[in-house]
């Protein structure tokens, strides 16, 4: 299966969305541990999102280089 197969891309973004939702819910709890855990999950989700976007950009640049 290709690295950027549409199913993998969809799974990647659904996983990021799940991390954001769980992190947001945990962040809203008043206990310090759950708030810290929620913040960590939100941070991981946004780092994963930036990694996914840079990976897509790199894949597009490779496609352009090989076609030209």
PDB file of N, CA and C in Angstrom:
ATOM      1  N   UNK A   1       0.846  -1.176   0.000  1.00  0.00           N
ATOM      2  CA  UNK A   1       0.000   0.000   0.000  1.00  0.00           C
ATOM      3  C   UNK A   1       0.894   1.243   0.000  1.00  0.00           C
ATOM      4  N   UNK A   2       0.503   2.216  -0.786  1.00  0.00           N
ATOM      5  CA  UNK A   2       1.259   3.458  -0.902  1.00  0.00           C
ATOM      6  C   UNK A   2       1.262   4.200   0.434  1.00  0.00           C
ATOM      7  N   UNK A   3       2.331   4.944   0.673  1.00  0.00           N
ATOM      8  CA  UNK A   3       2.457   5.679   1.933  1.00  0.00           C
ATOM      9  C   UNK A   3       1.337   6.704   2.081  1.00  0.00           C
ATOM     10  N   UNK A   4       0.969   7.343   0.996  1.00  0.00           N
ATOM     11  CA  UNK A   4      -0.095   8.353   1.049  1.00  0.00           C
ATOM     12  C   UNK A   4      -1.383   7.856   0.408  1.00  0.00           C
ATOM     13  N   UNK A   5      -1.678   6.594   0.610  1.00  0.00           N
ATOM     14  CA  UNK A   5      -2.938   6.021   0.144  1.00  0.00           C
ATOM     15  C   UNK A   5      -4.084   6.767   0.842  1.00  0.00           C
ATOM     16  N   UNK A   6      -5.179   7.010   0.150  1.00  0.00           N
ATOM     17  CA  UNK A   6      -6.287   7.776   0.758  1.00  0.00           C
ATOM     18  C   UNK A   6      -6.806   7.201   2.081  1.00  0.00           C
ATOM     19  N   UNK A   7      -6.783   5.871   2.227  1.00  0.00           N
ATOM     20  CA  UNK A   7      -7.228   5.291   3.497  1.00  0.00           C
ATOM     21  C   UNK A   7      -6.274   5.628   4.635  1.00  0.00           C
ATOM     22  N   UNK A   8      -4.974   5.620   4.340  1.00  0.00           N
ATOM     23  CA  UNK A   8      -3.999   5.970   5.371  1.00  0.00           C
ATOM     24  C   UNK A   8      -4.100   7.440   5.741  1.00  0.00           C
ATOM     25  N   UNK A   9      -4.311   8.285   4.749  1.00  0.00           N
ATOM     26  CA  UNK A   9      -4.457   9.717   5.021  1.00  0.00           C
ATOM     27  C   UNK A   9      -5.709   9.956   5.866  1.00  0.00           C
ATOM     28  N   UNK A  10      -6.793   9.294   5.513  1.00  0.00           N
ATOM     29  CA  UNK A  10      -8.035   9.442   6.287  1.00  0.00           C
ATOM     30  C   UNK A  10      -7.837   8.942   7.714  1.00  0.00           C
ATOM     31  N   UNK A  11      -7.198   7.783   7.873  1.00  0.00           N
ATOM     32  CA  UNK A  11      -6.958   7.252   9.213  1.00  0.00           C
ATOM     33  C   UNK A  11      -6.075   8.194  10.021  1.00  0.00           C
ATOM     34  N   UNK A  12      -5.070   8.792   9.370  1.00  0.00           N
ATOM     35  CA  UNK A  12      -4.169   9.714  10.061  1.00  0.00           C
ATOM     36  C   UNK A  12      -4.947  10.916  10.607  1.00  0.00           C
ATOM     37  N   UNK A  13      -5.813  11.500   9.768  1.00  0.00           N
ATOM     38  CA  UNK A  13      -6.548  12.678  10.212  1.00  0.00           C
ATOM     39  C   UNK A  13      -7.649  12.338  11.214  1.00  0.00           C
ATOM     40  N   UNK A  14      -8.256  11.166  11.091  1.00  0.00           N
ATOM     41  CA  UNK A  14      -9.248  10.739  12.091  1.00  0.00           C
ATOM     42  C   UNK A  14      -8.555  10.500  13.431  1.00  0.00           C
ATOM     43  N   UNK A  15      -7.369   9.913  13.405  1.00  0.00           N
ATOM     44  CA  UNK A  15      -6.619   9.689  14.644  1.00  0.00           C
ATOM     45  C   UNK A  15      -6.249  11.011  15.307  1.00  0.00           C
ATOM     46  N   UNK A  16      -5.847  11.983  14.508  1.00  0.00           N
ATOM     47  CA  UNK A  16      -5.521  13.301  15.058  1.00  0.00           C
ATOM     48  C   UNK A  16      -6.761  13.939  15.662  1.00  0.00           C
ATOM     49  N   UNK A  17      -7.904  13.805  14.973  1.00  0.00           N
ATOM     50  CA  UNK A  17      -9.149  14.362  15.494  1.00  0.00           C
ATOM     51  C   UNK A  17      -9.534  13.708  16.823  1.00  0.00           C
ATOM     52  N   UNK A  18      -9.368  12.401  16.924  1.00  0.00           N
ATOM     53  CA  UNK A  18      -9.680  11.698  18.178  1.00  0.00           C
ATOM     54  C   UNK A  18      -8.764  12.186  19.304  1.00  0.00           C
ATOM     55  N   UNK A  19      -7.466  12.357  19.010  1.00  0.00           N
ATOM     56  CA  UNK A  19      -6.540  12.873  20.023  1.00  0.00           C
ATOM     57  C   UNK A  19      -6.940  14.268  20.488  1.00  0.00           C
ATOM     58  N   UNK A  20      -7.340  15.109  19.547  1.00  0.00           N
ATOM     59  CA  UNK A  20      -7.756  16.470  19.907  1.00  0.00           C
ATOM     60  C   UNK A  20      -9.004  16.433  20.778  1.00  0.00           C
ATOM     61  N   UNK A  21      -9.969  15.626  20.421  1.00  0.00           N
ATOM     62  CA  UNK A  21     -11.205  15.567  21.207  1.00  0.00           C
ATOM     63  C   UNK A  21     -10.963  15.015  22.609  1.00  0.00           C
ATOM     64  N   UNK A  22     -10.207  13.937  22.718  1.00  0.00           N
ATOM     65  CA  UNK A  22      -9.906  13.370  24.035  1.00  0.00           C
ATOM     66  C   UNK A  22      -9.077  14.349  24.856  1.00  0.00           C
ATOM     67  N   UNK A  23      -8.095  14.974  24.212  1.00  0.00           N
ATOM     68  CA  UNK A  23      -7.266  15.951  24.914  1.00  0.00           C
ATOM     69  C   UNK A  23      -8.077  17.141  25.400  1.00  0.00           C
ATOM     70  N   UNK A  24      -9.013  17.609  24.578  1.00  0.00           N
ATOM     71  CA  UNK A  24      -9.840  18.757  24.983  1.00  0.00           C
ATOM     72  C   UNK A  24     -10.740  18.401  26.156  1.00  0.00           C
ATOM     73  N   UNK A  25     -11.315  17.209  26.128  1.00  0.00           N
ATOM     74  CA  UNK A  25     -12.178  16.777  27.238  1.00  0.00           C
ATOM     75  C   UNK A  25     -11.365  16.635  28.521  1.00  0.00           C
ATOM     76  N   UNK A  26     -10.202  16.001  28.432  1.00  0.00           N
ATOM     77  CA  UNK A  26      -9.363  15.837  29.619  1.00  0.00           C
ATOM     78  C   UNK A  26      -8.844  17.186  30.135  1.00  0.00           C
ATOM     79  N   UNK A  27      -8.559  18.091  29.215  1.00  0.00           N
ATOM     80  CA  UNK A  27      -8.055  19.403  29.620  1.00  0.00           C
ATOM     81  C   UNK A  27      -9.095  20.182  30.420  1.00  0.00           C
ATOM     82  N   UNK A  28     -10.371  19.936  30.159  1.00  0.00           N
ATOM     83  CA  UNK A  28     -11.437  20.668  30.848  1.00  0.00           C
ATOM     84  C   UNK A  28     -11.743  20.140  32.245  1.00  0.00           C
ATOM     85  N   UNK A  29     -11.244  18.952  32.586  1.00  0.00           N
ATOM     86  CA  UNK A  29     -11.449  18.441  33.936  1.00  0.00           C
ATOM     87  C   UNK A  29     -10.653  19.280  34.933  1.00  0.00           C
ATOM     88  N   UNK A  30     -11.183  19.456  36.154  1.00  0.00           N
ATOM     89  CA  UNK A  30     -10.502  20.346  37.107  1.00  0.00           C
ATOM     90  C   UNK A  30      -9.255  19.750  37.765  1.00  0.00           C
ATOM     91  N   UNK A  31      -9.060  18.441  37.686  1.00  0.00           N
ATOM     92  CA  UNK A  31      -7.894  17.856  38.329  1.00  0.00           C
ATOM     93  C   UNK A  31      -6.631  18.200  37.540  1.00  0.00           C
ATOM     94  N   UNK A  32      -5.534  18.476  38.246  1.00  0.00           N
ATOM     95  CA  UNK A  32      -4.309  18.882  37.537  1.00  0.00           C
ATOM     96  C   UNK A  32      -3.739  17.786  36.637  1.00  0.00           C
ATOM     97  N   UNK A  33      -3.823  16.518  37.075  1.00  0.00           N
ATOM     98  CA  UNK A  33      -3.245  15.439  36.261  1.00  0.00           C
ATOM     99  C   UNK A  33      -3.975  15.301  34.931  1.00  0.00           C
ATOM    100  N   UNK A  34      -5.302  15.318  34.971  1.00  0.00           N
ATOM    101  CA  UNK A  34      -6.054  15.162  33.727  1.00  0.00           C
ATOM    102  C   UNK A  34      -5.877  16.378  32.828  1.00  0.00           C
ATOM    103  N   UNK A  35      -5.758  17.560  33.420  1.00  0.00           N
ATOM    104  CA  UNK A  35      -5.519  18.747  32.601  1.00  0.00           C
ATOM    105  C   UNK A  35      -4.155  18.668  31.929  1.00  0.00           C
ATOM    106  N   UNK A  36      -3.147  18.206  32.665  1.00  0.00           N
ATOM    107  CA  UNK A  36      -1.808  18.062  32.079  1.00  0.00           C
ATOM    108  C   UNK A  36      -1.809  16.986  31.003  1.00  0.00           C
ATOM    109  N   UNK A  37      -2.498  15.876  31.262  1.00  0.00           N
ATOM    110  CA  UNK A  37      -2.586  14.811  30.271  1.00  0.00           C
ATOM    111  C   UNK A  37      -3.309  15.299  29.013  1.00  0.00           C
ATOM    112  N   UNK A  38      -4.374  16.066  29.200  1.00  0.00           N
ATOM    113  CA  UNK A  38      -5.089  16.636  28.054  1.00  0.00           C
ATOM    114  C   UNK A  38      -4.211  17.574  27.257  1.00  0.00           C
ATOM    115  N   UNK A  39      -3.424  18.394  27.947  1.00  0.00           N
ATOM    116  CA  UNK A  39      -2.515  19.309  27.259  1.00  0.00           C
ATOM    117  C   UNK A  39      -1.459  18.534  26.470  1.00  0.00           C
ATOM    118  N   UNK A  40      -0.961  17.453  27.049  1.00  0.00           N
ATOM    119  CA  UNK A  40       0.032  16.629  26.351  1.00  0.00           C
ATOM    120  C   UNK A  40      -0.592  15.999  25.102  1.00  0.00           C
ATOM    121  N   UNK A  41      -1.812  15.490  25.226  1.00  0.00           N
ATOM    122  CA  UNK A  41      -2.473  14.890  24.066  1.00  0.00           C
ATOM    123  C   UNK A  41      -2.725  15.921  22.973  1.00  0.00           C
ATOM    124  N   UNK A  42      -3.127  17.131  23.366  1.00  0.00           N
ATOM    125  CA  UNK A  42      -3.325  18.193  22.381  1.00  0.00           C
ATOM    126  C   UNK A  42      -2.007  18.550  21.699  1.00  0.00           C
ATOM    127  N   UNK A  43      -0.938  18.612  22.469  1.00  0.00           N
ATOM    128  CA  UNK A  43       0.375  18.928  21.896  1.00  0.00           C
ATOM    129  C   UNK A  43       0.818  17.845  20.913  1.00  0.00           C
ATOM    130  N   UNK A  44       0.631  16.592  21.299  1.00  0.00           N
ATOM    131  CA  UNK A  44       0.998  15.481  20.410  1.00  0.00           C
ATOM    132  C   UNK A  44       0.177  15.539  19.123  1.00  0.00           C
ATOM    133  N   UNK A  45      -1.101  15.855  19.252  1.00  0.00           N
ATOM    134  CA  UNK A  45      -1.961  15.923  18.068  1.00  0.00           C
ATOM    135  C   UNK A  45      -1.497  17.013  17.110  1.00  0.00           C
ATOM    136  N   UNK A  46      -1.130  18.181  17.638  1.00  0.00           N
ATOM    137  CA  UNK A  46      -0.710  19.260  16.756  1.00  0.00           C
ATOM    138  C   UNK A  46       0.672  19.005  16.158  1.00  0.00           C
ATOM    139  N   UNK A  47       1.542  18.339  16.889  1.00  0.00           N
ATOM    140  CA  UNK A  47       2.834  17.956  16.313  1.00  0.00           C
ATOM    141  C   UNK A  47       2.622  16.919  15.218  1.00  0.00           C
ATOM    142  N   UNK A  48       1.732  15.970  15.451  1.00  0.00           N
ATOM    143  CA  UNK A  48       1.430  14.943  14.459  1.00  0.00           C
ATOM    144  C   UNK A  48       0.810  15.574  13.212  1.00  0.00           C
ATOM    145  N   UNK A  49      -0.062  16.581  13.420  1.00  0.00           N
ATOM    146  CA  UNK A  49      -0.674  17.271  12.291  1.00  0.00           C
ATOM    147  C   UNK A  49       0.378  18.010  11.468  1.00  0.00           C
ATOM    148  N   UNK A  50       1.292  18.689  12.116  1.00  0.00           N
ATOM    149  CA  UNK A  50       2.336  19.399  11.371  1.00  0.00           C
ATOM    150  C   UNK A  50       3.248  18.408  10.647  1.00  0.00           C
ATOM    151  N   UNK A  51       3.527  17.265  11.267  1.00  0.00           N
ATOM    152  CA  UNK A  51       4.330  16.228  10.620  1.00  0.00           C
ATOM    153  C   UNK A  51       3.608  15.681   9.393  1.00  0.00           C
ATOM    154  N   UNK A  52       2.308  15.464   9.512  1.00  0.00           N
ATOM    155  CA  UNK A  52       1.538  14.928   8.391  1.00  0.00           C
ATOM    156  C   UNK A  52       1.517  15.912   7.230  1.00  0.00           C
ATOM    157  N   UNK A  53       1.356  17.189   7.535  1.00  0.00           N
ATOM    158  CA  UNK A  53       1.344  18.190   6.466  1.00  0.00           C
ATOM    159  C   UNK A  53       2.706  18.315   5.806  1.00  0.00           C
ATOM    160  N   UNK A  54       3.780  18.263   6.578  1.00  0.00           N
ATOM    161  CA  UNK A  54       5.107  18.355   5.977  1.00  0.00           C
ATOM    162  C   UNK A  54       5.403  17.109   5.145  1.00  0.00           C
ATOM    163  N   UNK A  55       4.876  15.976   5.572  1.00  0.00           N
ATOM    164  CA  UNK A  55       5.051  14.737   4.807  1.00  0.00           C
ATOM    165  C   UNK A  55       4.326  14.827   3.474  1.00  0.00           C
ATOM    166  N   UNK A  56       3.118  15.399   3.478  1.00  0.00           N
ATOM    167  CA  UNK A  56       2.379  15.571   2.230  1.00  0.00           C
ATOM    168  C   UNK A  56       3.104  16.543   1.305  1.00  0.00           C
ATOM    169  N   UNK A  57       3.652  17.607   1.861  1.00  0.00           N
ATOM    170  CA  UNK A  57       4.397  18.571   1.056  1.00  0.00           C
ATOM    171  C   UNK A  57       5.640  17.932   0.451  1.00  0.00           C
ATOM    172  N   UNK A  58       6.335  17.132   1.235  1.00  0.00           N
ATOM    173  CA  UNK A  58       7.521  16.447   0.730  1.00  0.00           C
ATOM    174  C   UNK A  58       7.155  15.452  -0.368  1.00  0.00           C
ATOM    175  N   UNK A  59       6.045  14.756  -0.212  1.00  0.00           N
ATOM    176  CA  UNK A  59       5.613  13.802  -1.231  1.00  0.00           C
ATOM    177  C   UNK A  59       5.251  14.524  -2.523  1.00  0.00           C
ATOM    178  N   UNK A  60       4.633  15.698  -2.408  1.00  0.00           N
ATOM    179  CA  UNK A  60       4.291  16.468  -3.604  1.00  0.00           C
ATOM    180  C   UNK A  60       5.548  16.967  -4.301  1.00  0.00           C
ATOM    181  N   UNK A  61       6.555  17.375  -3.540  1.00  0.00           N
ATOM    182  CA  UNK A  61       7.777  17.870  -4.165  1.00  0.00           C
ATOM    183  C   UNK A  61       8.541  16.744  -4.852  1.00  0.00           C
ATOM    184  N   UNK A  62       8.460  15.528  -4.304  1.00  0.00           N
ATOM    185  CA  UNK A  62       9.097  14.384  -4.952  1.00  0.00           C
ATOM    186  C   UNK A  62       8.382  14.065  -6.255  1.00  0.00           C
ATOM    187  N   UNK A  63       7.049  14.146  -6.249  1.00  0.00           N
ATOM    188  CA  UNK A  63       6.287  13.906  -7.476  1.00  0.00           C
ATOM    189  C   UNK A  63       6.644  14.923  -8.535  1.00  0.00           C
ATOM    190  N   UNK A  64       6.819  16.172  -8.162  1.00  0.00           N
ATOM    191  CA  UNK A  64       7.162  17.221  -9.116  1.00  0.00           C
ATOM    192  C   UNK A  64       8.558  16.981  -9.664  1.00  0.00           C
ATOM    193  N   UNK A  65       9.500  16.571  -8.816  1.00  0.00           N
ATOM    194  CA  UNK A  65      10.872  16.348  -9.258  1.00  0.00           C
ATOM    195  C   UNK A  65      10.984  15.165 -10.227  1.00  0.00           C
ATOM    196  N   UNK A  66      10.201  14.126  -9.990  1.00  0.00           N
ATOM    197  CA  UNK A  66      10.301  12.953 -10.844  1.00  0.00           C
ATOM    198  C   UNK A  66       9.558  13.152 -12.164  1.00  0.00           C
ATOM    199  N   UNK A  67       8.557  14.021 -12.196  1.00  0.00           N
ATOM    200  CA  UNK A  67       7.815  14.220 -13.426  1.00  0.00           C
ATOM    201  C   UNK A  67       8.483  15.248 -14.336  1.00  0.00           C
ATOM    202  N   UNK A  68       9.344  16.096 -13.776  1.00  0.00           N
ATOM    203  CA  UNK A  68       9.932  17.167 -14.567  1.00  0.00           C
ATOM    204  C   UNK A  68      11.216  16.866 -15.110  1.00  0.00           C
TER     205      UNK A  68
END
